[in-house]
Amino acid sequence: MSTSRKSPKRPAARTTSAPAHRLPDDDFWPRVTRELADDLAVDALARDRAGKAPFDEVARLQEAGLPALLTAPGPDRRGADWRAACAVVREISAADSSVGELLAHHYALSWSSRFLDPVRAAGAPLDVRTAEENWLLAGGVEPPRAETGPGLALTPADGEGGGWVLEGSRTFSSAVAVADRLVVGARAEGTGDLLVVLVDPAAPGVFTEPGADRVGQRLAGAGTVTFDRVPLAPGQVLGTLPHDEHAVAPFSGLAPLALRLLLVHVGLGIAEGALAEARDISRAGQAGPRPDGHPDRPATDGSVPTGAGDDPYLLLAYGELATAAHAAAAVVERATDALTRGLLAAWTLGVEEGADIAVLVAAAETVAGRAAVHITTRVLELVEGTAGAQAGTGGPGFDRFWRNARTLTAPTQAAHRLRDIGDHYLNGTHARLTLLA
């Protein structure tokens, strides 16, 4: 038996239902998102420093109804498309990127059954069940890298009812201690196929251990889950990916791309949030010294700048950072549009179209990742020093943007993405389907 701790009980606030019978105006989700982002921004720094499990943050999401956004419209819900979901993740991340990350994973996982099994999707897709139950999902479908462990395994259950027995341990980057359901990928004994299964974290044999203190994304709820001979009914299998990568449909290949692009929006949100907060501080006259460290010099007409907003060097710095953010946003929006069209094509998506989407997502990852690290680093240099010294309380907390950007982008190897892009551009080669890597 594992020595890991059992998941703590979720507080009663987590059972709040999403608002019902919403008005069909196009501004509904942007308005809800804006209100929640403003609420999260108020205490983002305090919550980051406290580093507690994100029970309260998840309760706020569920009260706003955002986990149910990415689903088909119904009598008690108003669904939205992937473009809207990406916009929500981006705006929430500008206020609190940890919450944006766990929402990104939730959205990608909620579509698992649609990506993997058209027959099941025609019946009761996981995203519809998630909306009806007001679940928050966590987990991960992709197998871990070989160096991090063997991953999860499924063996056939004894008895006439069929089903499976799930065993193994996995570390996940988001919400494992606070999720209502876990969606995980595991290898089936004998065939080697990857089965995606739905697991109740409160079920016997499921144990969670919160992750150690992370450098960034502290409230995303990372941790390790151990499955000790957990029985699964046949209905808990959401779909199957064959062991042979070439037998995977192009639409199924969009599953990892959807998650990757949602996380790109998290990174872009971090950059935009840091830049906006730094601008507010500079406008209030609390910015640090000029970037080159020299005192103000007279302007060409002999006058002396009277505030931070008149400092030409500070204007130059903000111009460069704003341009970097705009450029990254343009690349990310193009990838978002392409992925949205691919998802609408569903099972009619062709191989070449899928490859083009993969290249655009890889480009967005590279450009936005570099921009997020660069912008948060420069903002920290421009603002944190003097503002922190003046406040006497540790400053405005701009280090959290830098830490979050570093933590989020660290797992992505830009050189690998650029190599795939170059190989596709020069040789027409398709990047390998990472879902089976």
Protein backbone atom coordinates (compact mmCIF):
# COMPACT_ATOMS: atom_id res chain seq x y z
CA MET A 1 0.00 0.00 0.00
CA SER A 2 1.27 3.48 -0.87
CA THR A 3 2.32 5.79 1.92
CA SER A 4 1.02 8.87 0.11
CA ARG A 5 -1.66 10.92 1.78
CA LYS A 6 -5.32 10.63 0.94
CA SER A 7 -6.79 13.67 -0.77
CA PRO A 8 -8.31 16.13 1.72
CA LYS A 9 -12.05 16.62 1.56
CA ARG A 10 -13.15 19.49 -0.63
CA PRO A 11 -15.00 22.24 1.22
CA ALA A 12 -18.71 22.79 0.84
CA ALA A 13 -18.14 25.90 -1.26
CA ARG A 14 -16.94 23.65 -4.06
CA THR A 15 -20.49 22.39 -4.65
CA THR A 16 -21.83 25.73 -5.84
CA SER A 17 -23.65 25.23 -9.12
CA ALA A 18 -23.03 27.26 -12.26
CA PRO A 19 -25.63 29.98 -12.92
CA ALA A 20 -28.63 28.63 -14.81
CA HIS A 21 -30.72 30.04 -17.70
CA ARG A 22 -28.21 32.62 -18.81
CA LEU A 23 -29.14 35.38 -21.19
CA PRO A 24 -27.90 34.73 -24.74
CA ASP A 25 -25.79 37.87 -25.15
CA ASP A 26 -22.37 37.64 -26.78
CA ASP A 27 -20.79 39.65 -23.98
CA PHE A 28 -21.73 37.22 -21.21
CA TRP A 29 -18.49 35.22 -20.91
CA PRO A 30 -16.18 38.24 -21.40
CA ARG A 31 -18.09 40.06 -18.66
CA VAL A 32 -17.94 37.10 -16.26
CA THR A 33 -14.24 36.62 -16.98
CA ARG A 34 -13.44 40.28 -16.47
CA GLU A 35 -15.22 40.34 -13.11
CA LEU A 36 -13.45 37.19 -11.91
CA ALA A 37 -10.06 38.42 -13.14
CA ASP A 38 -10.52 41.68 -11.24
CA ASP A 39 -11.45 39.70 -8.13
CA LEU A 40 -8.40 37.43 -8.43
CA ALA A 41 -6.04 40.34 -9.03
CA VAL A 42 -6.93 41.97 -5.71
CA ASP A 43 -5.27 39.30 -3.56
CA ALA A 44 -3.07 37.53 -6.12
CA LEU A 45 0.18 38.47 -4.42
CA ALA A 46 -1.01 37.49 -0.94
CA ARG A 47 -2.30 34.13 -2.16
CA ASP A 48 0.93 33.47 -4.07
CA ARG A 49 2.99 34.08 -0.95
CA ALA A 50 0.69 31.92 1.18
CA GLY A 51 1.03 29.03 -1.29
CA LYS A 52 -2.03 27.12 -0.10
CA ALA A 53 -3.90 24.49 -2.10
CA PRO A 54 -6.25 26.32 -4.52
CA PHE A 55 -9.58 25.31 -2.99
CA ASP A 56 -10.73 28.92 -2.79
CA GLU A 57 -9.58 29.67 -6.33
CA VAL A 58 -11.47 26.68 -7.72
CA ALA A 59 -14.58 27.72 -5.80
CA ARG A 60 -14.39 31.14 -7.46
CA LEU A 61 -14.10 29.53 -10.88
CA GLN A 62 -17.07 27.26 -10.29
CA GLU A 63 -19.22 30.02 -8.87
CA ALA A 64 -18.55 31.99 -12.06
CA GLY A 65 -19.42 28.93 -14.17
CA LEU A 66 -16.15 29.05 -16.13
CA PRO A 67 -15.36 25.30 -15.97
CA ALA A 68 -18.57 24.72 -17.95
CA LEU A 69 -17.74 27.27 -20.65
CA LEU A 70 -16.27 24.91 -23.23
CA THR A 71 -19.34 22.80 -23.92
CA ALA A 72 -22.35 22.71 -26.19
CA PRO A 73 -25.21 25.08 -25.25
CA GLY A 74 -28.07 23.59 -23.25
CA PRO A 75 -31.10 24.66 -21.21
CA ASP A 76 -28.98 25.31 -18.13
CA ARG A 77 -25.73 26.35 -19.75
CA ARG A 78 -24.37 28.64 -22.46
CA GLY A 79 -21.35 27.12 -24.15
CA ALA A 80 -18.59 28.85 -26.05
CA ASP A 81 -15.96 27.80 -28.59
CA TRP A 82 -12.23 27.23 -28.24
CA ARG A 83 -11.37 30.77 -29.27
CA ALA A 84 -13.45 32.06 -26.37
CA ALA A 85 -11.91 29.50 -24.00
CA CYS A 86 -8.41 30.67 -24.97
CA ALA A 87 -9.42 34.30 -24.35
CA VAL A 88 -10.75 33.36 -20.91
CA VAL A 89 -7.55 31.54 -19.97
CA ARG A 90 -5.45 34.47 -21.16
CA GLU A 91 -7.37 37.10 -19.18
CA ILE A 92 -7.52 34.99 -16.01
CA SER A 93 -3.78 34.33 -16.33
CA ALA A 94 -3.03 38.05 -16.52
CA ALA A 95 -4.54 38.29 -13.02
CA ASP A 96 -3.38 34.93 -11.61
CA SER A 97 -1.54 32.56 -13.93
CA SER A 98 -1.81 29.61 -11.54
CA VAL A 99 -5.60 29.73 -11.86
CA GLY A 100 -5.19 30.17 -15.61
CA GLU A 101 -3.04 27.05 -15.80
CA LEU A 102 -5.45 24.79 -13.93
CA LEU A 103 -8.32 26.12 -16.08
CA ALA A 104 -6.27 25.43 -19.23
CA HIS A 105 -5.70 21.82 -18.21
CA HIS A 106 -9.38 21.46 -17.33
CA TYR A 107 -10.54 22.68 -20.75
CA ALA A 108 -8.17 20.39 -22.64
CA LEU A 109 -9.11 17.36 -20.53
CA SER A 110 -12.85 18.05 -20.82
CA TRP A 111 -12.64 17.31 -24.55
CA SER A 112 -10.86 13.97 -24.10
CA SER A 113 -13.78 11.82 -25.20
CA ARG A 114 -14.39 13.98 -28.28
CA PHE A 115 -10.78 13.62 -29.38
CA LEU A 116 -10.60 9.90 -28.82
CA ASP A 117 -13.90 8.24 -29.65
CA PRO A 118 -16.54 9.64 -32.05
CA VAL A 119 -19.08 7.03 -30.95
CA ARG A 120 -18.83 8.05 -27.28
CA ALA A 121 -18.82 11.72 -28.26
CA ALA A 122 -22.14 11.27 -30.04
CA GLY A 123 -23.64 10.00 -26.80
CA ALA A 124 -22.50 11.79 -23.64
CA PRO A 125 -19.19 13.60 -24.15
CA LEU A 126 -17.11 14.30 -21.08
CA ASP A 127 -17.45 18.08 -21.51
CA VAL A 128 -21.24 17.80 -21.23
CA ARG A 129 -21.00 15.60 -18.13
CA THR A 130 -18.48 18.03 -16.68
CA ALA A 131 -20.83 20.97 -17.20
CA GLU A 132 -23.81 19.12 -15.74
CA GLU A 133 -21.87 18.05 -12.63
CA ASN A 134 -19.87 21.29 -12.34
CA TRP A 135 -16.64 19.29 -12.15
CA LEU A 136 -13.10 20.55 -12.25
CA LEU A 137 -10.85 18.09 -14.09
CA ALA A 138 -7.16 17.42 -13.55
CA GLY A 139 -4.63 14.86 -14.71
CA GLY A 140 -2.83 14.25 -17.97
CA VAL A 141 -3.25 12.05 -21.00
CA GLU A 142 0.27 12.00 -22.39
CA PRO A 143 2.55 9.28 -20.98
CA PRO A 144 5.50 10.61 -18.93
CA ARG A 145 8.96 10.78 -20.41
CA ALA A 146 10.91 7.56 -19.96
CA GLU A 147 13.34 9.15 -17.53
CA THR A 148 10.56 10.25 -15.15
CA GLY A 149 9.03 6.81 -14.60
CA PRO A 150 7.07 4.03 -16.26
CA GLY A 151 3.72 5.79 -15.96
CA LEU A 152 0.35 4.14 -15.34
CA ALA A 153 -0.70 0.61 -16.29
CA LEU A 154 -4.04 -1.10 -16.79
CA THR A 155 -4.61 -4.82 -16.35
CA PRO A 156 -7.89 -6.61 -17.12
CA ALA A 157 -10.08 -7.08 -14.06
CA ASP A 158 -11.09 -10.55 -12.96
CA GLY A 159 -14.74 -11.50 -13.12
CA GLU A 160 -17.60 -11.39 -15.59
CA GLY A 161 -18.16 -7.63 -15.42
CA GLY A 162 -14.94 -6.80 -17.22
CA GLY A 163 -13.24 -3.52 -16.58
CA TRP A 164 -9.70 -2.74 -15.57
CA VAL A 165 -7.38 -2.31 -12.61
CA LEU A 166 -5.28 0.88 -12.58
CA GLU A 167 -1.86 0.96 -10.98
CA GLY A 168 1.12 3.29 -10.86
CA SER A 169 2.11 6.80 -9.90
CA ARG A 170 2.22 10.06 -11.86
CA THR A 171 3.15 13.63 -11.13
CA PHE A 172 0.85 16.26 -12.59
CA SER A 173 1.32 20.02 -12.80
CA SER A 174 -2.20 21.10 -12.04
CA ALA A 175 -5.08 20.74 -9.55
CA VAL A 176 -4.61 17.12 -8.50
CA ALA A 177 -5.41 17.87 -4.85
CA VAL A 178 -8.58 19.84 -5.58
CA ALA A 179 -10.04 18.18 -8.68
CA ASP A 180 -13.47 16.57 -8.78
CA ARG A 181 -12.35 14.00 -11.37
CA LEU A 182 -9.00 12.83 -12.77
CA VAL A 183 -8.48 12.12 -16.48
CA VAL A 184 -5.36 10.02 -17.05
CA GLY A 185 -3.76 7.99 -19.79
CA ALA A 186 -2.54 4.46 -19.02
CA ARG A 187 -1.06 1.62 -21.05
CA ALA A 188 -3.21 -1.46 -21.47
CA GLU A 189 -1.53 -4.76 -20.69
CA GLY A 190 -1.03 -6.87 -23.79
CA THR A 191 -1.91 -4.41 -26.56
CA GLY A 192 0.15 -1.44 -25.40
CA ASP A 193 -2.66 0.89 -26.47
CA LEU A 194 -3.12 4.11 -24.54
CA LEU A 195 -6.47 4.16 -22.73
CA VAL A 196 -7.82 7.41 -21.34
CA VAL A 197 -9.83 6.81 -18.17
CA LEU A 198 -11.94 8.86 -15.78
CA VAL A 199 -11.19 8.35 -12.06
CA ASP A 200 -12.83 9.70 -8.93
CA PRO A 201 -10.00 11.00 -6.69
CA ALA A 202 -12.06 10.03 -3.65
CA ALA A 203 -12.20 6.38 -4.71
CA PRO A 204 -10.44 3.73 -2.58
CA GLY A 205 -6.83 3.24 -3.63
CA VAL A 206 -6.33 6.79 -4.94
CA PHE A 207 -3.77 8.80 -2.97
CA THR A 208 -2.46 12.30 -3.63
CA GLU A 209 0.62 14.06 -2.37
CA PRO A 210 0.86 17.84 -2.93
CA GLY A 211 3.95 18.92 -4.80
CA ALA A 212 6.89 20.51 -3.04
CA ASP A 213 7.13 24.28 -3.11
CA ARG A 214 7.53 25.34 -6.72
CA VAL A 215 9.52 28.31 -7.92
CA GLY A 216 6.46 29.58 -9.75
CA GLN A 217 2.84 28.68 -10.50
CA ARG A 218 2.54 27.91 -6.78
CA LEU A 219 -1.26 27.80 -6.72
CA ALA A 220 -1.76 25.55 -9.73
CA GLY A 221 -2.11 22.55 -7.43
CA ALA A 222 0.72 20.37 -8.69
CA GLY A 223 1.24 17.00 -7.05
CA THR A 224 1.70 13.27 -7.35
CA VAL A 225 -1.15 10.77 -7.57
CA THR A 226 -0.71 7.10 -6.72
CA PHE A 227 -3.21 4.50 -7.92
CA ASP A 228 -3.06 1.35 -5.82
CA ARG A 229 -5.06 -1.33 -7.67
CA VAL A 230 -7.98 0.99 -8.39
CA PRO A 231 -10.88 -0.88 -10.07
CA LEU A 232 -12.39 0.81 -13.12
CA ALA A 233 -15.69 -0.07 -14.77
CA PRO A 234 -15.77 -0.32 -18.58
CA GLY A 235 -17.74 2.94 -18.71
CA GLN A 236 -14.83 4.82 -17.15
CA VAL A 237 -12.78 4.33 -20.31
CA LEU A 238 -13.21 7.50 -22.36
CA GLY A 239 -11.37 6.31 -25.43
CA THR A 240 -8.36 4.55 -26.86
CA LEU A 241 -5.34 5.54 -28.89
CA PRO A 242 -3.72 2.69 -30.83
CA HIS A 243 -0.11 1.84 -30.14
CA ASP A 244 0.76 2.55 -33.79
CA GLU A 245 1.12 6.31 -34.21
CA HIS A 246 0.30 6.11 -37.90
CA ALA A 247 -3.14 4.75 -37.08
CA VAL A 248 -4.07 7.83 -35.06
CA ALA A 249 -6.60 10.13 -36.75
CA PRO A 250 -5.45 13.73 -37.42
CA PHE A 251 -8.28 15.02 -35.23
CA SER A 252 -7.01 12.97 -32.28
CA GLY A 253 -3.61 14.53 -32.91
CA LEU A 254 -5.09 17.90 -32.01
CA ALA A 255 -5.51 16.85 -28.36
CA PRO A 256 -1.93 17.66 -27.24
CA LEU A 257 -1.89 20.74 -29.47
CA ALA A 258 -5.01 22.07 -27.76
CA LEU A 259 -3.38 21.84 -24.33
CA ARG A 260 -0.13 23.32 -25.58
CA LEU A 261 -1.92 26.29 -27.10
CA LEU A 262 -3.99 26.90 -23.98
CA LEU A 263 -0.75 27.00 -21.96
CA VAL A 264 0.66 29.45 -24.51
CA HIS A 265 -2.25 31.72 -23.65
CA VAL A 266 -1.31 31.35 -19.98
CA GLY A 267 2.22 32.55 -20.77
CA LEU A 268 0.95 35.43 -22.88
CA GLY A 269 -1.39 36.40 -20.06
CA ILE A 270 1.54 36.47 -17.62
CA ALA A 271 3.44 38.86 -19.91
CA GLU A 272 0.44 41.13 -20.44
CA GLY A 273 -0.45 41.13 -16.75
CA ALA A 274 3.09 42.05 -15.70
CA LEU A 275 3.28 44.82 -18.29
CA ALA A 276 -0.10 46.28 -17.30
CA GLU A 277 0.74 46.33 -13.59
CA ALA A 278 4.13 47.90 -14.27
CA ARG A 279 2.44 50.57 -16.37
CA ASP A 280 0.04 51.38 -13.54
CA ILE A 281 2.93 51.80 -11.11
CA SER A 282 4.88 53.95 -13.55
CA ARG A 283 1.86 56.15 -14.14
CA ALA A 284 1.57 56.64 -10.40
CA GLY A 285 5.16 57.88 -10.30
CA GLN A 286 6.48 54.86 -8.39
CA ALA A 287 8.73 53.38 -11.06
CA GLY A 288 12.39 52.69 -10.50
CA PRO A 289 15.39 54.57 -11.90
CA ARG A 290 16.12 54.96 -15.56
CA PRO A 291 17.13 51.62 -17.15
CA ASP A 292 20.78 52.63 -17.58
CA GLY A 293 21.04 53.67 -13.94
CA HIS A 294 21.86 57.34 -14.65
CA PRO A 295 19.97 60.29 -13.17
CA ASP A 296 17.62 62.35 -15.29
CA ARG A 297 19.32 64.64 -17.80
CA PRO A 298 17.91 67.82 -19.29
CA ALA A 299 15.93 67.41 -22.51
CA THR A 300 17.13 69.03 -25.73
CA ASP A 301 15.07 72.15 -25.01
CA GLY A 302 16.73 72.55 -21.62
CA SER A 303 13.77 71.30 -19.59
CA VAL A 304 13.98 68.52 -17.04
CA PRO A 305 11.51 65.60 -17.08
CA THR A 306 9.03 65.98 -14.25
CA GLY A 307 7.93 62.36 -13.86
CA ALA A 308 8.35 58.77 -14.94
CA GLY A 309 5.98 59.30 -17.85
CA ASP A 310 8.38 61.91 -19.34
CA ASP A 311 11.55 59.81 -19.08
CA PRO A 312 12.57 59.03 -22.68
CA TYR A 313 14.51 55.96 -21.60
CA LEU A 314 11.52 54.57 -19.73
CA LEU A 315 9.32 55.31 -22.74
CA LEU A 316 11.82 53.45 -24.90
CA ALA A 317 11.72 50.45 -22.56
CA TYR A 318 7.93 50.33 -22.50
CA GLY A 319 7.79 50.74 -26.28
CA GLU A 320 10.07 47.75 -26.72
CA LEU A 321 8.14 45.61 -24.25
CA ALA A 322 4.72 46.56 -25.66
CA THR A 323 5.94 45.71 -29.16
CA ALA A 324 7.19 42.32 -27.98
CA ALA A 325 3.77 41.63 -26.42
CA HIS A 326 1.92 42.72 -29.57
CA ALA A 327 4.13 40.55 -31.78
CA ALA A 328 3.64 37.50 -29.58
CA ALA A 329 -0.13 38.09 -29.48
CA ALA A 330 -0.29 38.20 -33.27
CA VAL A 331 1.46 34.84 -33.62
CA VAL A 332 -0.68 33.29 -30.89
CA GLU A 333 -3.92 34.57 -32.42
CA ARG A 334 -3.02 33.05 -35.79
CA ALA A 335 -2.38 29.67 -34.14
CA THR A 336 -5.64 29.99 -32.19
CA ASP A 337 -7.65 30.65 -35.33
CA ALA A 338 -6.05 27.67 -37.08
CA LEU A 339 -6.70 25.31 -34.16
CA THR A 340 -10.30 26.50 -33.86
CA ARG A 341 -10.90 25.73 -37.55
CA GLY A 342 -9.28 22.32 -37.14
CA LEU A 343 -11.48 21.49 -34.18
CA LEU A 344 -14.58 22.51 -36.14
CA ALA A 345 -13.49 20.18 -38.95
CA ALA A 346 -13.38 17.34 -36.40
CA TRP A 347 -13.02 13.91 -37.99
CA THR A 348 -12.86 15.36 -41.52
CA LEU A 349 -9.53 17.03 -40.69
CA GLY A 350 -6.77 16.01 -43.09
CA VAL A 351 -3.19 15.05 -42.34
CA GLU A 352 -1.69 18.12 -44.00
CA GLU A 353 -4.08 20.48 -42.22
CA GLY A 354 -3.17 18.88 -38.91
CA ALA A 355 0.54 19.29 -39.64
CA ASP A 356 0.09 22.97 -40.47
CA ILE A 357 -1.74 23.53 -37.18
CA ALA A 358 1.07 21.78 -35.30
CA VAL A 359 3.64 24.13 -36.87
CA LEU A 360 1.63 27.23 -35.97
CA VAL A 361 1.22 26.05 -32.37
CA ALA A 362 4.97 25.36 -32.14
CA ALA A 363 5.69 28.85 -33.45
CA ALA A 364 3.30 30.35 -30.91
CA GLU A 365 4.98 28.41 -28.09
CA THR A 366 8.41 29.64 -29.11
CA VAL A 367 7.55 33.29 -29.68
CA ALA A 368 5.21 33.69 -26.71
CA GLY A 369 7.50 31.76 -24.36
CA ARG A 370 10.48 33.94 -25.17
CA ALA A 371 8.36 37.09 -24.93
CA ALA A 372 6.97 36.08 -21.53
CA VAL A 373 10.42 35.49 -20.05
CA HIS A 374 11.87 38.64 -21.63
CA ILE A 375 9.00 40.94 -20.62
CA THR A 376 8.78 39.70 -17.04
CA THR A 377 12.55 39.97 -16.63
CA ARG A 378 12.67 43.56 -17.92
CA VAL A 379 9.63 44.59 -15.90
CA LEU A 380 11.29 43.23 -12.79
CA GLU A 381 14.40 45.27 -13.57
CA LEU A 382 12.42 48.44 -14.27
CA VAL A 383 10.07 48.41 -11.32
CA GLU A 384 10.93 46.06 -8.49
CA GLY A 385 14.08 47.63 -7.04
CA THR A 386 13.12 51.18 -6.19
CA ALA A 387 9.41 50.46 -5.77
CA GLY A 388 10.20 47.72 -3.25
CA ALA A 389 12.63 49.91 -1.35
CA GLN A 390 10.09 52.72 -1.20
CA ALA A 391 7.27 50.47 -0.04
CA GLY A 392 9.39 48.78 2.62
CA THR A 393 7.24 45.65 2.39
CA GLY A 394 8.94 43.60 -0.29
CA GLY A 395 7.74 45.65 -3.23
CA PRO A 396 4.78 45.12 -5.53
CA GLY A 397 5.62 41.45 -6.04
CA PHE A 398 6.76 41.57 -9.66
CA ASP A 399 9.02 38.63 -8.98
CA ARG A 400 5.96 36.38 -9.16
CA PHE A 401 5.44 37.16 -12.86
CA TRP A 402 9.06 36.25 -13.60
CA ARG A 403 8.88 33.08 -11.51
CA ASN A 404 5.60 32.03 -13.11
CA ALA A 405 6.89 32.63 -16.65
CA ARG A 406 10.06 30.66 -15.96
CA THR A 407 8.21 27.74 -14.42
CA LEU A 408 5.60 27.58 -17.17
CA THR A 409 8.04 27.73 -20.08
CA ALA A 410 10.82 25.57 -18.63
CA PRO A 411 9.40 22.20 -19.82
CA THR A 412 9.19 23.43 -23.43
CA GLN A 413 12.41 23.09 -25.37
CA ALA A 414 12.45 25.95 -27.88
CA ALA A 415 15.21 24.25 -29.89
CA HIS A 416 13.00 21.18 -30.43
CA ARG A 417 10.08 23.32 -31.59
CA LEU A 418 12.27 25.34 -33.95
CA ARG A 419 13.75 22.14 -35.39
CA ASP A 420 10.27 20.78 -36.08
CA ILE A 421 9.23 24.06 -37.71
CA GLY A 422 12.35 24.13 -39.85
CA ASP A 423 11.98 20.49 -40.88
CA HIS A 424 8.38 21.10 -41.91
CA TYR A 425 9.24 24.29 -43.81
CA LEU A 426 12.25 22.86 -45.61
CA ASN A 427 11.31 19.22 -46.08
CA GLY A 428 7.56 19.06 -45.52
CA THR A 429 8.09 16.69 -42.60
CA HIS A 430 5.33 16.29 -40.01
CA ALA A 431 6.21 16.63 -36.35
CA ARG A 432 5.73 13.46 -34.35
CA LEU A 433 2.44 13.10 -32.49
CA THR A 434 3.56 13.90 -28.94
CA LEU A 435 0.52 12.20 -27.42
CA LEU A 436 2.26 8.89 -28.03
CA ALA A 437 5.84 9.97 -27.50
